[in-house]
Amino acid sequence: MDRDLDNTVVAELLPMWYALPEGFHPVDLAQEPGTRMDAHYDALARIYPAATSKQLITSVLSFEATLSKLVEEGLVHFSSFTLRTDDGLLLTGTCNIVVADRPMGDPNLYPRAVLDAQPDGGGRGEHRGIVELPAGLAAVVVSDTVIPVPGVFFGVPENGATEVLSVSFHMAFPRLPKAVVVTLSTEEFQAQEEFLELATVVAGGISFTAPQLKQGRGPLADEETAAATSPFG
């Protein structure tokens, strides 16, 4: 897959860049909240034409409140993704990138510290380890959990629950007491292998080095990084 140049992004005020494959739809965190909520309302109205205005408004307000809380906790990117696998399965989900403080110390030791600080939850389908990405070593945690879904989020009285497969990558900035956490989640368990491959591509797109400049093509991250290739063709 050729890289989409618009998906090479600089995290504001931080020496960090990331590249996303095609099929990702970022939320503009810098946009005025009212404008963002209006666009979200219109999008939901098209997707769920049977929903009432009250349900749509409640869903939009709940999403915006959740987004604001995540931004306070260091969120620098949030997007949804929709991709079709080689087997014809529709893979959908969300992606977020968070920057947080970390203790001073060797960045190569940070992934082990993350795993040691988060005892094995023993949950269904949980896997933990350390992987080497183009930007450095990362702690990776894959988990399969059932999470509650408040009915108010969708403007209905009944609460529900959903089973979610998530994978998180934790990496230290090389010269700052900061860490980046990349998390992708999906409910599409039939496409688990493709999902994990996609998550690795996204995490591989993180860079702490400014992109190379190619004459006539604008800024590009190194084409040899994992993010240069999509598992979906």
C-alpha atoms as a PDB file:
ATOM      1  CA  MET A   1       0.000   0.000   0.000  1.00  0.00           C
ATOM      2  CA  ASP A   2       1.311   3.457  -0.837  1.00  0.00           C
ATOM      3  CA  ARG A   3       1.493   5.730   2.157  1.00  0.00           C
ATOM      4  CA  ASP A   4      -1.176   8.419   2.429  1.00  0.00           C
ATOM      5  CA  LEU A   5       0.849  11.591   2.991  1.00  0.00           C
ATOM      6  CA  ASP A   6      -2.006  13.233   4.891  1.00  0.00           C
ATOM      7  CA  ASN A   7      -1.662  10.540   7.546  1.00  0.00           C
ATOM      8  CA  THR A   8       1.872  11.555   8.529  1.00  0.00           C
ATOM      9  CA  VAL A   9       1.193  13.619  11.627  1.00  0.00           C
ATOM     10  CA  VAL A  10       3.256  15.564  14.138  1.00  0.00           C
ATOM     11  CA  ALA A  11       2.091  15.399  17.758  1.00  0.00           C
ATOM     12  CA  GLU A  12       1.856  19.051  18.827  1.00  0.00           C
ATOM     13  CA  LEU A  13       4.863  20.328  20.817  1.00  0.00           C
ATOM     14  CA  LEU A  14       6.334  16.836  21.088  1.00  0.00           C
ATOM     15  CA  PRO A  15       9.194  15.232  19.090  1.00  0.00           C
ATOM     16  CA  MET A  16       6.888  12.461  17.907  1.00  0.00           C
ATOM     17  CA  TRP A  17       5.438  11.576  14.523  1.00  0.00           C
ATOM     18  CA  TYR A  18       3.068   8.802  13.506  1.00  0.00           C
ATOM     19  CA  ALA A  19       1.811   7.369  10.219  1.00  0.00           C
ATOM     20  CA  LEU A  20      -1.549   5.649   9.759  1.00  0.00           C
ATOM     21  CA  PRO A  21      -2.601   3.241   6.996  1.00  0.00           C
ATOM     22  CA  GLU A  22      -5.549   4.091   4.765  1.00  0.00           C
ATOM     23  CA  GLY A  23      -8.970   3.427   6.252  1.00  0.00           C
ATOM     24  CA  PHE A  24      -8.448   5.464   9.447  1.00  0.00           C
ATOM     25  CA  HIS A  25     -10.762   8.392  10.186  1.00  0.00           C
ATOM     26  CA  PRO A  26      -9.264  10.761  12.787  1.00  0.00           C
ATOM     27  CA  VAL A  27     -11.276  13.004  15.079  1.00  0.00           C
ATOM     28  CA  ASP A  28      -9.968  16.578  14.948  1.00  0.00           C
ATOM     29  CA  LEU A  29      -9.061  17.185  18.599  1.00  0.00           C
ATOM     30  CA  ALA A  30      -8.170  20.818  17.834  1.00  0.00           C
ATOM     31  CA  GLN A  31     -11.591  21.546  16.355  1.00  0.00           C
ATOM     32  CA  GLU A  32     -14.055  23.713  18.242  1.00  0.00           C
ATOM     33  CA  PRO A  33     -16.231  21.272  20.275  1.00  0.00           C
ATOM     34  CA  GLY A  34     -19.524  22.678  19.008  1.00  0.00           C
ATOM     35  CA  THR A  35     -18.495  22.197  15.387  1.00  0.00           C
ATOM     36  CA  ARG A  36     -17.240  18.686  16.134  1.00  0.00           C
ATOM     37  CA  MET A  37     -20.493  17.755  17.897  1.00  0.00           C
ATOM     38  CA  ASP A  38     -22.591  19.060  14.991  1.00  0.00           C
ATOM     39  CA  ALA A  39     -20.609  16.916  12.542  1.00  0.00           C
ATOM     40  CA  HIS A  40     -20.877  13.887  14.853  1.00  0.00           C
ATOM     41  CA  TYR A  41     -24.660  14.374  15.157  1.00  0.00           C
ATOM     42  CA  ASP A  42     -25.063  14.542  11.363  1.00  0.00           C
ATOM     43  CA  ALA A  43     -22.930  11.428  10.872  1.00  0.00           C
ATOM     44  CA  LEU A  44     -24.936   9.431  13.437  1.00  0.00           C
ATOM     45  CA  ALA A  45     -28.210  10.592  11.914  1.00  0.00           C
ATOM     46  CA  ARG A  46     -27.110   9.190   8.542  1.00  0.00           C
ATOM     47  CA  ILE A  47     -25.929   5.886  10.030  1.00  0.00           C
ATOM     48  CA  TYR A  48     -28.942   5.412  12.354  1.00  0.00           C
ATOM     49  CA  PRO A  49     -31.923   7.063  10.627  1.00  0.00           C
ATOM     50  CA  ALA A  50     -34.365   5.441  13.081  1.00  0.00           C
ATOM     51  CA  ALA A  51     -32.713   7.060  16.128  1.00  0.00           C
ATOM     52  CA  THR A  52     -34.600   9.883  17.854  1.00  0.00           C
ATOM     53  CA  SER A  53     -33.116  13.360  18.261  1.00  0.00           C
ATOM     54  CA  LYS A  54     -32.839  12.747  22.014  1.00  0.00           C
ATOM     55  CA  GLN A  55     -30.863   9.529  21.453  1.00  0.00           C
ATOM     56  CA  LEU A  56     -28.538  11.241  18.978  1.00  0.00           C
ATOM     57  CA  ILE A  57     -27.922  14.226  21.253  1.00  0.00           C
ATOM     58  CA  THR A  58     -27.289  11.991  24.260  1.00  0.00           C
ATOM     59  CA  SER A  59     -24.821   9.879  22.296  1.00  0.00           C
ATOM     60  CA  VAL A  60     -22.975  12.933  20.987  1.00  0.00           C
ATOM     61  CA  LEU A  61     -22.727  14.530  24.441  1.00  0.00           C
ATOM     62  CA  SER A  62     -21.541  11.268  26.011  1.00  0.00           C
ATOM     63  CA  PHE A  63     -18.861  10.822  23.347  1.00  0.00           C
ATOM     64  CA  GLU A  64     -17.677  14.416  23.733  1.00  0.00           C
ATOM     65  CA  ALA A  65     -17.472  14.067  27.531  1.00  0.00           C
ATOM     66  CA  THR A  66     -15.433  10.869  27.161  1.00  0.00           C
ATOM     67  CA  LEU A  67     -13.168  12.492  24.572  1.00  0.00           C
ATOM     68  CA  SER A  68     -12.552  15.529  26.790  1.00  0.00           C
ATOM     69  CA  LYS A  69     -11.560  13.301  29.697  1.00  0.00           C
ATOM     70  CA  LEU A  70      -9.138  11.364  27.486  1.00  0.00           C
ATOM     71  CA  VAL A  71      -7.566  14.618  26.250  1.00  0.00           C
ATOM     72  CA  GLU A  72      -6.997  15.665  29.863  1.00  0.00           C
ATOM     73  CA  GLU A  73      -5.192  12.340  30.357  1.00  0.00           C
ATOM     74  CA  GLY A  74      -2.837  12.973  27.429  1.00  0.00           C
ATOM     75  CA  LEU A  75      -4.754  11.871  24.324  1.00  0.00           C
ATOM     76  CA  VAL A  76      -3.101  13.214  21.160  1.00  0.00           C
ATOM     77  CA  HIS A  77      -4.943  11.114  18.562  1.00  0.00           C
ATOM     78  CA  PHE A  78      -8.296   9.350  18.308  1.00  0.00           C
ATOM     79  CA  SER A  79      -9.690   7.679  15.211  1.00  0.00           C
ATOM     80  CA  SER A  80     -12.023   4.977  14.004  1.00  0.00           C
ATOM     81  CA  PHE A  81     -11.001   2.550  11.288  1.00  0.00           C
ATOM     82  CA  THR A  82     -12.846   0.485   8.700  1.00  0.00           C
ATOM     83  CA  LEU A  83     -10.905  -2.017   6.577  1.00  0.00           C
ATOM     84  CA  ARG A  84     -11.793  -5.109   4.593  1.00  0.00           C
ATOM     85  CA  THR A  85      -9.536  -8.134   4.989  1.00  0.00           C
ATOM     86  CA  ASP A  86      -8.393 -10.448   2.198  1.00  0.00           C
ATOM     87  CA  ASP A  87     -11.106 -12.874   3.350  1.00  0.00           C
ATOM     88  CA  GLY A  88     -13.802 -10.250   2.883  1.00  0.00           C
ATOM     89  CA  LEU A  89     -14.336  -9.595   6.595  1.00  0.00           C
ATOM     90  CA  LEU A  90     -15.096  -6.002   7.632  1.00  0.00           C
ATOM     91  CA  LEU A  91     -12.678  -4.978  10.382  1.00  0.00           C
ATOM     92  CA  THR A  92     -13.792  -1.959  12.389  1.00  0.00           C
ATOM     93  CA  GLY A  93     -12.612  -0.426  15.639  1.00  0.00           C
ATOM     94  CA  THR A  94     -10.914   2.515  17.303  1.00  0.00           C
ATOM     95  CA  CYS A  95      -7.349   3.729  17.727  1.00  0.00           C
ATOM     96  CA  ASN A  96      -5.975   6.164  20.275  1.00  0.00           C
ATOM     97  CA  ILE A  97      -2.517   7.503  21.041  1.00  0.00           C
ATOM     98  CA  VAL A  98      -1.773   8.880  24.499  1.00  0.00           C
ATOM     99  CA  VAL A  99       1.342  10.643  25.779  1.00  0.00           C
ATOM    100  CA  ALA A 100       1.979  10.413  29.532  1.00  0.00           C
ATOM    101  CA  ASP A 101       4.742  11.113  32.024  1.00  0.00           C
ATOM    102  CA  ARG A 102       7.201   8.354  32.891  1.00  0.00           C
ATOM    103  CA  PRO A 103       9.989   8.099  35.471  1.00  0.00           C
ATOM    104  CA  MET A 104      13.444   9.201  34.396  1.00  0.00           C
ATOM    105  CA  GLY A 105      15.732   6.380  33.340  1.00  0.00           C
ATOM    106  CA  ASP A 106      16.920   4.232  30.458  1.00  0.00           C
ATOM    107  CA  PRO A 107      14.116   4.162  27.852  1.00  0.00           C
ATOM    108  CA  ASN A 108      15.066   0.587  26.956  1.00  0.00           C
ATOM    109  CA  LEU A 109      14.152  -0.514  30.481  1.00  0.00           C
ATOM    110  CA  TYR A 110      10.736   1.167  30.383  1.00  0.00           C
ATOM    111  CA  PRO A 111       8.814  -1.679  28.680  1.00  0.00           C
ATOM    112  CA  ARG A 112       9.869  -4.164  31.372  1.00  0.00           C
ATOM    113  CA  ALA A 113       8.912  -1.639  34.063  1.00  0.00           C
ATOM    114  CA  VAL A 114       5.457  -1.317  32.478  1.00  0.00           C
ATOM    115  CA  LEU A 115       4.873  -5.066  32.573  1.00  0.00           C
ATOM    116  CA  ASP A 116       6.186  -5.335  36.140  1.00  0.00           C
ATOM    117  CA  ALA A 117       3.895  -2.502  37.269  1.00  0.00           C
ATOM    118  CA  GLN A 118       0.842  -4.130  35.682  1.00  0.00           C
ATOM    119  CA  PRO A 119       0.478  -7.611  37.176  1.00  0.00           C
ATOM    120  CA  ASP A 120      -0.823 -10.278  34.834  1.00  0.00           C
ATOM    121  CA  GLY A 121      -4.596  -9.957  35.010  1.00  0.00           C
ATOM    122  CA  GLY A 122      -5.055 -13.546  33.900  1.00  0.00           C
ATOM    123  CA  GLY A 123      -7.989 -12.504  31.775  1.00  0.00           C
ATOM    124  CA  ARG A 124      -9.266 -14.517  28.853  1.00  0.00           C
ATOM    125  CA  GLY A 125      -7.021 -14.187  25.841  1.00  0.00           C
ATOM    126  CA  GLU A 126      -4.458 -11.977  27.598  1.00  0.00           C
ATOM    127  CA  HIS A 127      -0.915 -12.015  26.217  1.00  0.00           C
ATOM    128  CA  ARG A 128       1.997  -9.871  27.331  1.00  0.00           C
ATOM    129  CA  GLY A 129       5.530  -9.347  26.114  1.00  0.00           C
ATOM    130  CA  ILE A 130       8.170  -7.010  24.730  1.00  0.00           C
ATOM    131  CA  VAL A 131       8.603  -6.363  21.010  1.00  0.00           C
ATOM    132  CA  GLU A 132      11.111  -4.366  18.994  1.00  0.00           C
ATOM    133  CA  LEU A 133       9.603  -1.651  16.789  1.00  0.00           C
ATOM    134  CA  PRO A 134      11.380   0.827  14.486  1.00  0.00           C
ATOM    135  CA  ALA A 135      11.198   3.483  17.255  1.00  0.00           C
ATOM    136  CA  GLY A 136      12.506   1.157  19.979  1.00  0.00           C
ATOM    137  CA  LEU A 137      11.407  -1.491  22.449  1.00  0.00           C
ATOM    138  CA  ALA A 138       7.741  -1.601  23.442  1.00  0.00           C
ATOM    139  CA  ALA A 139       5.703  -3.468  26.010  1.00  0.00           C
ATOM    140  CA  VAL A 140       2.662  -5.031  24.352  1.00  0.00           C
ATOM    141  CA  VAL A 141      -0.485  -6.251  26.084  1.00  0.00           C
ATOM    142  CA  VAL A 142      -3.285  -8.064  24.247  1.00  0.00           C
ATOM    143  CA  SER A 143      -6.509  -8.533  26.188  1.00  0.00           C
ATOM    144  CA  ASP A 144     -10.005  -9.895  25.607  1.00  0.00           C
ATOM    145  CA  THR A 145     -12.463  -8.266  27.994  1.00  0.00           C
ATOM    146  CA  VAL A 146     -16.181  -7.718  28.466  1.00  0.00           C
ATOM    147  CA  ILE A 147     -16.918  -4.081  29.241  1.00  0.00           C
ATOM    148  CA  PRO A 148     -20.188  -2.498  30.380  1.00  0.00           C
ATOM    149  CA  VAL A 149     -21.915  -0.086  28.003  1.00  0.00           C
ATOM    150  CA  PRO A 150     -24.153   2.459  29.783  1.00  0.00           C
ATOM    151  CA  GLY A 151     -27.459   2.848  28.011  1.00  0.00           C
ATOM    152  CA  VAL A 152     -27.223   6.605  28.395  1.00  0.00           C
ATOM    153  CA  PHE A 153     -24.383   6.581  25.866  1.00  0.00           C
ATOM    154  CA  PHE A 154     -26.933   5.579  23.213  1.00  0.00           C
ATOM    155  CA  GLY A 155     -29.888   7.416  24.699  1.00  0.00           C
ATOM    156  CA  VAL A 156     -31.684   4.249  25.863  1.00  0.00           C
ATOM    157  CA  PRO A 157     -32.619   3.179  29.436  1.00  0.00           C
ATOM    158  CA  GLU A 158     -31.105  -0.334  29.309  1.00  0.00           C
ATOM    159  CA  ASN A 159     -27.431  -0.934  30.025  1.00  0.00           C
ATOM    160  CA  GLY A 160     -25.519  -3.462  27.972  1.00  0.00           C
ATOM    161  CA  ALA A 161     -22.118  -5.057  27.572  1.00  0.00           C
ATOM    162  CA  THR A 162     -19.754  -5.786  24.732  1.00  0.00           C
ATOM    163  CA  GLU A 163     -16.740  -8.051  24.272  1.00  0.00           C
ATOM    164  CA  VAL A 164     -13.673  -6.163  23.071  1.00  0.00           C
ATOM    165  CA  LEU A 165     -10.265  -7.272  21.840  1.00  0.00           C
ATOM    166  CA  SER A 166      -7.604  -4.642  22.585  1.00  0.00           C
ATOM    167  CA  VAL A 167      -3.870  -4.371  22.061  1.00  0.00           C
ATOM    168  CA  SER A 168      -1.667  -1.678  23.604  1.00  0.00           C
ATOM    169  CA  PHE A 169       1.949  -0.778  22.871  1.00  0.00           C
ATOM    170  CA  HIS A 170       3.949   1.213  25.488  1.00  0.00           C
ATOM    171  CA  MET A 171       7.146   3.004  24.403  1.00  0.00           C
ATOM    172  CA  ALA A 172       9.425   5.542  26.096  1.00  0.00           C
ATOM    173  CA  PHE A 173      10.528   8.760  24.442  1.00  0.00           C
ATOM    174  CA  PRO A 174      14.326   8.444  24.067  1.00  0.00           C
ATOM    175  CA  ARG A 175      15.294  11.827  25.551  1.00  0.00           C
ATOM    176  CA  LEU A 176      12.255  12.929  27.566  1.00  0.00           C
ATOM    177  CA  PRO A 177      10.528  11.610  30.707  1.00  0.00           C
ATOM    178  CA  LYS A 178       7.506  10.825  28.531  1.00  0.00           C
ATOM    179  CA  ALA A 179       5.919   7.658  27.185  1.00  0.00           C
ATOM    180  CA  VAL A 180       3.520   6.962  24.338  1.00  0.00           C
ATOM    181  CA  VAL A 181       0.751   4.372  24.495  1.00  0.00           C
ATOM    182  CA  VAL A 182      -0.887   3.197  21.260  1.00  0.00           C
ATOM    183  CA  THR A 183      -4.138   1.270  21.755  1.00  0.00           C
ATOM    184  CA  LEU A 184      -6.385  -0.330  19.154  1.00  0.00           C
ATOM    185  CA  SER A 185      -9.684  -2.043  19.977  1.00  0.00           C
ATOM    186  CA  THR A 186     -12.225  -4.026  17.988  1.00  0.00           C
ATOM    187  CA  GLU A 187     -15.293  -6.202  18.455  1.00  0.00           C
ATOM    188  CA  GLU A 188     -14.510  -8.190  15.295  1.00  0.00           C
ATOM    189  CA  PHE A 189     -13.004 -11.352  16.805  1.00  0.00           C
ATOM    190  CA  GLN A 190     -13.254 -13.246  13.511  1.00  0.00           C
ATOM    191  CA  ALA A 191     -10.534 -10.967  12.133  1.00  0.00           C
ATOM    192  CA  GLN A 192      -8.246 -11.292  15.164  1.00  0.00           C
ATOM    193  CA  GLU A 193      -5.099 -12.162  13.183  1.00  0.00           C
ATOM    194  CA  GLU A 194      -5.570  -9.248  10.789  1.00  0.00           C
ATOM    195  CA  PHE A 195      -6.378  -6.918  13.685  1.00  0.00           C
ATOM    196  CA  LEU A 196      -3.162  -7.746  15.548  1.00  0.00           C
ATOM    197  CA  GLU A 197      -1.172  -7.303  12.347  1.00  0.00           C
ATOM    198  CA  LEU A 198      -2.824  -3.925  11.753  1.00  0.00           C
ATOM    199  CA  ALA A 199      -2.097  -2.824  15.335  1.00  0.00           C
ATOM    200  CA  THR A 200       1.575  -3.684  14.839  1.00  0.00           C
ATOM    201  CA  VAL A 201       1.649  -1.628  11.631  1.00  0.00           C
ATOM    202  CA  VAL A 202       0.186   1.383  13.466  1.00  0.00           C
ATOM    203  CA  ALA A 203       2.585   1.049  16.417  1.00  0.00           C
ATOM    204  CA  GLY A 204       5.446   0.665  13.931  1.00  0.00           C
ATOM    205  CA  GLY A 205       4.490   4.045  12.485  1.00  0.00           C
ATOM    206  CA  ILE A 206       5.514   5.861  15.671  1.00  0.00           C
ATOM    207  CA  SER A 207       8.759   7.802  15.231  1.00  0.00           C
ATOM    208  CA  PHE A 208      10.790  10.053  17.504  1.00  0.00           C
ATOM    209  CA  THR A 209      12.841  11.297  14.543  1.00  0.00           C
ATOM    210  CA  ALA A 210      11.642  13.968  12.140  1.00  0.00           C
ATOM    211  CA  PRO A 211      10.506  12.538   8.776  1.00  0.00           C
ATOM    212  CA  GLN A 212      12.842  12.624   5.803  1.00  0.00           C
ATOM    213  CA  LEU A 213      12.136  15.154   3.062  1.00  0.00           C
ATOM    214  CA  LYS A 214      11.745  13.769  -0.441  1.00  0.00           C
ATOM    215  CA  GLN A 215      11.977  16.231  -3.302  1.00  0.00           C
ATOM    216  CA  GLY A 216       8.563  16.988  -4.767  1.00  0.00           C
ATOM    217  CA  ARG A 217       6.702  14.670  -2.375  1.00  0.00           C
ATOM    218  CA  GLY A 218       6.763  16.501   0.943  1.00  0.00           C
ATOM    219  CA  PRO A 219       7.510  14.999   4.371  1.00  0.00           C
ATOM    220  CA  LEU A 220       7.687  11.233   4.589  1.00  0.00           C
ATOM    221  CA  ALA A 221       8.577   8.906   7.414  1.00  0.00           C
ATOM    222  CA  ASP A 222      11.245   6.327   6.561  1.00  0.00           C
ATOM    223  CA  GLU A 223       9.743   3.948   4.000  1.00  0.00           C
ATOM    224  CA  GLU A 224      11.523   1.038   5.652  1.00  0.00           C
ATOM    225  CA  THR A 225       9.412   1.285   8.827  1.00  0.00           C
ATOM    226  CA  ALA A 226       6.648  -1.193   9.521  1.00  0.00           C
ATOM    227  CA  ALA A 227       4.020   1.419   8.755  1.00  0.00           C
ATOM    228  CA  ALA A 228       5.082   1.544   5.120  1.00  0.00           C
ATOM    229  CA  THR A 229       3.141  -1.629   4.356  1.00  0.00           C
ATOM    230  CA  SER A 230      -0.471  -2.508   5.015  1.00  0.00           C
ATOM    231  CA  PRO A 231      -1.522  -6.131   5.633  1.00  0.00           C
ATOM    232  CA  PHE A 232      -4.711  -5.402   3.688  1.00  0.00           C
ATOM    233  CA  GLY A 233      -3.202  -4.669   0.291  1.00  0.00           C
END
